[in-house]
Amino acid sequence: MVLKRGIVEINTLERVEIQDITREVESVLRNSGISEGLLNVYSRHSTSGVVINENESGLIRDFQLALGKLIPEGAGYQHDRIDNNADSHIRGFILGGSQTIPVENSRMMLGTWQSIFFVELDGPRQRKLTVTVIGE
């Protein structure tokens, strides 16, 4: 069993921004030399998320709009007394900060239409994601 790690660096320009990071994660997998195992993408930032879904522009915009409706900014949250970004933290709770994907024949076993996305919830910022690949 071998474990390899890589970092994916992300710069965001908007407060809420969704970036397809599939290619960057594939690069870490390729460089790991691991052909069978598991790959984990982890964000150590509590105001962000990592999700898997379809990369279609309308769907991406719908997702952003749904986040805003579900957890609106400035809705009287207790945490806003500290740094006025409670909505970002609550959205991060719901989205989760990591995804784990099986690896087979040196490829991530994503579905036909699936991509990996980094979801910025409190930008603009510079972020670092840890990609861990474990296997043989």
C-alpha atoms as a PDB file:
ATOM      1  CA  MET A   1       0.000   0.000   0.000  1.00  0.00           C
ATOM      2  CA  VAL A   2       1.349   3.417  -1.016  1.00  0.00           C
ATOM      3  CA  LEU A   3       0.168   6.864   0.056  1.00  0.00           C
ATOM      4  CA  LYS A   4       0.882  10.014  -1.976  1.00  0.00           C
ATOM      5  CA  ARG A   5      -0.244  13.598  -1.464  1.00  0.00           C
ATOM      6  CA  GLY A   6      -0.444  16.650  -3.637  1.00  0.00           C
ATOM      7  CA  ILE A   7      -1.748  20.186  -3.280  1.00  0.00           C
ATOM      8  CA  VAL A   8      -4.157  21.924  -5.638  1.00  0.00           C
ATOM      9  CA  GLU A   9      -3.979  25.712  -5.334  1.00  0.00           C
ATOM     10  CA  ILE A  10      -7.053  27.775  -6.148  1.00  0.00           C
ATOM     11  CA  ASN A  11      -7.551  31.512  -6.451  1.00  0.00           C
ATOM     12  CA  THR A  12     -11.126  32.741  -6.378  1.00  0.00           C
ATOM     13  CA  LEU A  13     -12.440  36.118  -7.494  1.00  0.00           C
ATOM     14  CA  GLU A  14     -16.041  36.053  -6.230  1.00  0.00           C
ATOM     15  CA  ARG A  15     -17.635  35.601  -2.802  1.00  0.00           C
ATOM     16  CA  VAL A  16     -19.447  32.480  -4.022  1.00  0.00           C
ATOM     17  CA  GLU A  17     -17.657  30.736  -6.870  1.00  0.00           C
ATOM     18  CA  ILE A  18     -17.691  27.208  -8.230  1.00  0.00           C
ATOM     19  CA  GLN A  19     -14.585  25.899 -10.017  1.00  0.00           C
ATOM     20  CA  ASP A  20     -14.197  22.586 -11.830  1.00  0.00           C
ATOM     21  CA  ILE A  21     -10.982  21.100 -10.428  1.00  0.00           C
ATOM     22  CA  THR A  22     -11.194  17.680 -12.096  1.00  0.00           C
ATOM     23  CA  ARG A  23      -8.122  18.193 -14.293  1.00  0.00           C
ATOM     24  CA  GLU A  24      -5.985  19.409 -11.407  1.00  0.00           C
ATOM     25  CA  VAL A  25      -6.995  16.394  -9.306  1.00  0.00           C
ATOM     26  CA  GLU A  26      -6.324  14.048 -12.253  1.00  0.00           C
ATOM     27  CA  SER A  27      -2.825  15.520 -12.463  1.00  0.00           C
ATOM     28  CA  VAL A  28      -2.142  14.626  -8.814  1.00  0.00           C
ATOM     29  CA  LEU A  29      -3.410  11.085  -9.472  1.00  0.00           C
ATOM     30  CA  ARG A  30      -1.227  10.737 -12.576  1.00  0.00           C
ATOM     31  CA  ASN A  31       1.849  11.937 -10.659  1.00  0.00           C
ATOM     32  CA  SER A  32       1.155   9.517  -7.801  1.00  0.00           C
ATOM     33  CA  GLY A  33       1.765   6.428  -9.928  1.00  0.00           C
ATOM     34  CA  ILE A  34      -1.088   4.660  -8.124  1.00  0.00           C
ATOM     35  CA  SER A  35      -3.368   2.630 -10.380  1.00  0.00           C
ATOM     36  CA  GLU A  36      -5.792   0.992  -7.908  1.00  0.00           C
ATOM     37  CA  GLY A  37      -7.104   2.531  -4.697  1.00  0.00           C
ATOM     38  CA  LEU A  38      -8.846   5.588  -3.356  1.00  0.00           C
ATOM     39  CA  LEU A  39      -8.419   9.306  -3.916  1.00  0.00           C
ATOM     40  CA  ASN A  40      -9.574  11.949  -1.447  1.00  0.00           C
ATOM     41  CA  VAL A  41      -9.931  15.678  -2.138  1.00  0.00           C
ATOM     42  CA  TYR A  42      -9.998  17.688   1.090  1.00  0.00           C
ATOM     43  CA  SER A  43     -10.449  21.397   1.763  1.00  0.00           C
ATOM     44  CA  ARG A  44      -9.108  22.569   5.100  1.00  0.00           C
ATOM     45  CA  HIS A  45     -11.179  25.760   4.814  1.00  0.00           C
ATOM     46  CA  SER A  46     -14.456  25.863   6.757  1.00  0.00           C
ATOM     47  CA  THR A  47     -16.030  28.346   4.364  1.00  0.00           C
ATOM     48  CA  SER A  48     -15.728  26.139   1.302  1.00  0.00           C
ATOM     49  CA  GLY A  49     -16.922  22.824  -0.021  1.00  0.00           C
ATOM     50  CA  VAL A  50     -15.952  20.003  -2.362  1.00  0.00           C
ATOM     51  CA  VAL A  51     -18.743  18.429  -4.397  1.00  0.00           C
ATOM     52  CA  ILE A  52     -19.231  16.081  -7.344  1.00  0.00           C
ATOM     53  CA  ASN A  53     -21.852  16.827  -9.960  1.00  0.00           C
ATOM     54  CA  GLU A  54     -22.439  17.643 -13.624  1.00  0.00           C
ATOM     55  CA  ASN A  55     -20.505  20.518 -15.188  1.00  0.00           C
ATOM     56  CA  GLU A  56     -23.339  22.291 -16.993  1.00  0.00           C
ATOM     57  CA  SER A  57     -23.427  26.092 -16.766  1.00  0.00           C
ATOM     58  CA  GLY A  58     -27.166  26.320 -16.063  1.00  0.00           C
ATOM     59  CA  LEU A  59     -26.913  23.742 -13.300  1.00  0.00           C
ATOM     60  CA  ILE A  60     -23.917  25.545 -11.755  1.00  0.00           C
ATOM     61  CA  ARG A  61     -25.859  28.822 -11.690  1.00  0.00           C
ATOM     62  CA  ASP A  62     -28.957  27.034 -10.309  1.00  0.00           C
ATOM     63  CA  PHE A  63     -26.793  25.602  -7.517  1.00  0.00           C
ATOM     64  CA  GLN A  64     -25.459  29.056  -6.620  1.00  0.00           C
ATOM     65  CA  LEU A  65     -28.994  30.487  -6.568  1.00  0.00           C
ATOM     66  CA  ALA A  66     -30.274  27.575  -4.451  1.00  0.00           C
ATOM     67  CA  LEU A  67     -27.491  28.096  -1.881  1.00  0.00           C
ATOM     68  CA  GLY A  68     -28.486  31.750  -1.604  1.00  0.00           C
ATOM     69  CA  LYS A  69     -32.160  30.916  -1.122  1.00  0.00           C
ATOM     70  CA  LEU A  70     -31.556  28.065   1.300  1.00  0.00           C
ATOM     71  CA  ILE A  71     -29.015  29.941   3.433  1.00  0.00           C
ATOM     72  CA  PRO A  72     -29.307  33.674   2.732  1.00  0.00           C
ATOM     73  CA  GLU A  73     -26.599  36.144   3.608  1.00  0.00           C
ATOM     74  CA  GLY A  74     -27.274  38.453   6.579  1.00  0.00           C
ATOM     75  CA  ALA A  75     -30.239  36.555   8.028  1.00  0.00           C
ATOM     76  CA  GLY A  76     -29.444  37.397  11.662  1.00  0.00           C
ATOM     77  CA  TYR A  77     -27.066  34.503  12.368  1.00  0.00           C
ATOM     78  CA  GLN A  78     -25.256  34.525  15.744  1.00  0.00           C
ATOM     79  CA  HIS A  79     -21.843  34.020  14.137  1.00  0.00           C
ATOM     80  CA  ASP A  80     -22.219  37.237  12.121  1.00  0.00           C
ATOM     81  CA  ARG A  81     -21.366  39.125  15.338  1.00  0.00           C
ATOM     82  CA  ILE A  82     -17.811  37.803  14.980  1.00  0.00           C
ATOM     83  CA  ASP A  83     -16.931  38.148  11.290  1.00  0.00           C
ATOM     84  CA  ASN A  84     -20.130  38.528   9.244  1.00  0.00           C
ATOM     85  CA  ASN A  85     -19.771  35.297   7.252  1.00  0.00           C
ATOM     86  CA  ALA A  86     -22.066  32.876   9.058  1.00  0.00           C
ATOM     87  CA  ASP A  87     -23.862  32.017   5.816  1.00  0.00           C
ATOM     88  CA  SER A  88     -20.542  30.800   4.380  1.00  0.00           C
ATOM     89  CA  HIS A  89     -19.905  28.545   7.369  1.00  0.00           C
ATOM     90  CA  ILE A  90     -23.445  27.126   7.353  1.00  0.00           C
ATOM     91  CA  ARG A  91     -23.228  26.420   3.613  1.00  0.00           C
ATOM     92  CA  GLY A  92     -19.898  24.666   4.263  1.00  0.00           C
ATOM     93  CA  PHE A  93     -21.562  22.478   6.903  1.00  0.00           C
ATOM     94  CA  ILE A  94     -24.126  21.335   4.350  1.00  0.00           C
ATOM     95  CA  LEU A  95     -21.751  20.809   1.414  1.00  0.00           C
ATOM     96  CA  GLY A  96     -18.939  19.081   3.256  1.00  0.00           C
ATOM     97  CA  GLY A  97     -15.248  19.627   2.803  1.00  0.00           C
ATOM     98  CA  SER A  98     -14.135  16.450   1.037  1.00  0.00           C
ATOM     99  CA  GLN A  99     -14.955  13.778  -1.502  1.00  0.00           C
ATOM    100  CA  THR A 100     -13.502  10.290  -1.878  1.00  0.00           C
ATOM    101  CA  ILE A 101     -13.386   8.619  -5.286  1.00  0.00           C
ATOM    102  CA  PRO A 102     -12.372   5.052  -6.184  1.00  0.00           C
ATOM    103  CA  VAL A 103      -9.394   4.695  -8.544  1.00  0.00           C
ATOM    104  CA  GLU A 104      -9.263   1.874 -11.089  1.00  0.00           C
ATOM    105  CA  ASN A 105      -6.742   1.434 -13.921  1.00  0.00           C
ATOM    106  CA  SER A 106      -5.137   4.786 -13.004  1.00  0.00           C
ATOM    107  CA  ARG A 107      -8.435   6.653 -13.502  1.00  0.00           C
ATOM    108  CA  MET A 108     -10.953   8.138 -11.121  1.00  0.00           C
ATOM    109  CA  MET A 109     -14.203   6.210 -11.301  1.00  0.00           C
ATOM    110  CA  LEU A 110     -16.359   9.267 -11.913  1.00  0.00           C
ATOM    111  CA  GLY A 111     -19.652   8.858 -13.748  1.00  0.00           C
ATOM    112  CA  THR A 112     -19.974   9.950 -17.372  1.00  0.00           C
ATOM    113  CA  TRP A 113     -21.189  13.446 -16.502  1.00  0.00           C
ATOM    114  CA  GLN A 114     -19.458  13.894 -13.154  1.00  0.00           C
ATOM    115  CA  SER A 115     -16.810  16.477 -12.342  1.00  0.00           C
ATOM    116  CA  ILE A 116     -15.165  17.525  -9.083  1.00  0.00           C
ATOM    117  CA  PHE A 117     -15.880  21.070  -7.953  1.00  0.00           C
ATOM    118  CA  PHE A 118     -14.378  23.396  -5.393  1.00  0.00           C
ATOM    119  CA  VAL A 119     -17.074  25.666  -3.973  1.00  0.00           C
ATOM    120  CA  GLU A 120     -15.833  28.979  -2.617  1.00  0.00           C
ATOM    121  CA  LEU A 121     -18.262  30.397  -0.073  1.00  0.00           C
ATOM    122  CA  ASP A 122     -16.349  33.388   1.356  1.00  0.00           C
ATOM    123  CA  GLY A 123     -14.119  34.737  -1.379  1.00  0.00           C
ATOM    124  CA  PRO A 124     -12.204  36.067  -2.977  1.00  0.00           C
ATOM    125  CA  ARG A 125      -9.429  34.009  -1.455  1.00  0.00           C
ATOM    126  CA  GLN A 126      -6.384  31.857  -2.097  1.00  0.00           C
ATOM    127  CA  ARG A 127      -7.111  28.252  -1.141  1.00  0.00           C
ATOM    128  CA  LYS A 128      -5.196  24.981  -0.954  1.00  0.00           C
ATOM    129  CA  LEU A 129      -6.776  21.563  -1.297  1.00  0.00           C
ATOM    130  CA  THR A 130      -5.038  18.374  -0.231  1.00  0.00           C
ATOM    131  CA  VAL A 131      -5.376  15.427  -2.606  1.00  0.00           C
ATOM    132  CA  THR A 132      -4.451  12.099  -1.015  1.00  0.00           C
ATOM    133  CA  VAL A 133      -4.133   8.942  -3.101  1.00  0.00           C
ATOM    134  CA  ILE A 134      -3.766   5.586  -1.386  1.00  0.00           C
ATOM    135  CA  GLY A 135      -3.423   2.241  -3.114  1.00  0.00           C
ATOM    136  CA  GLU A 136      -1.114   0.227  -5.304  1.00  0.00           C
END
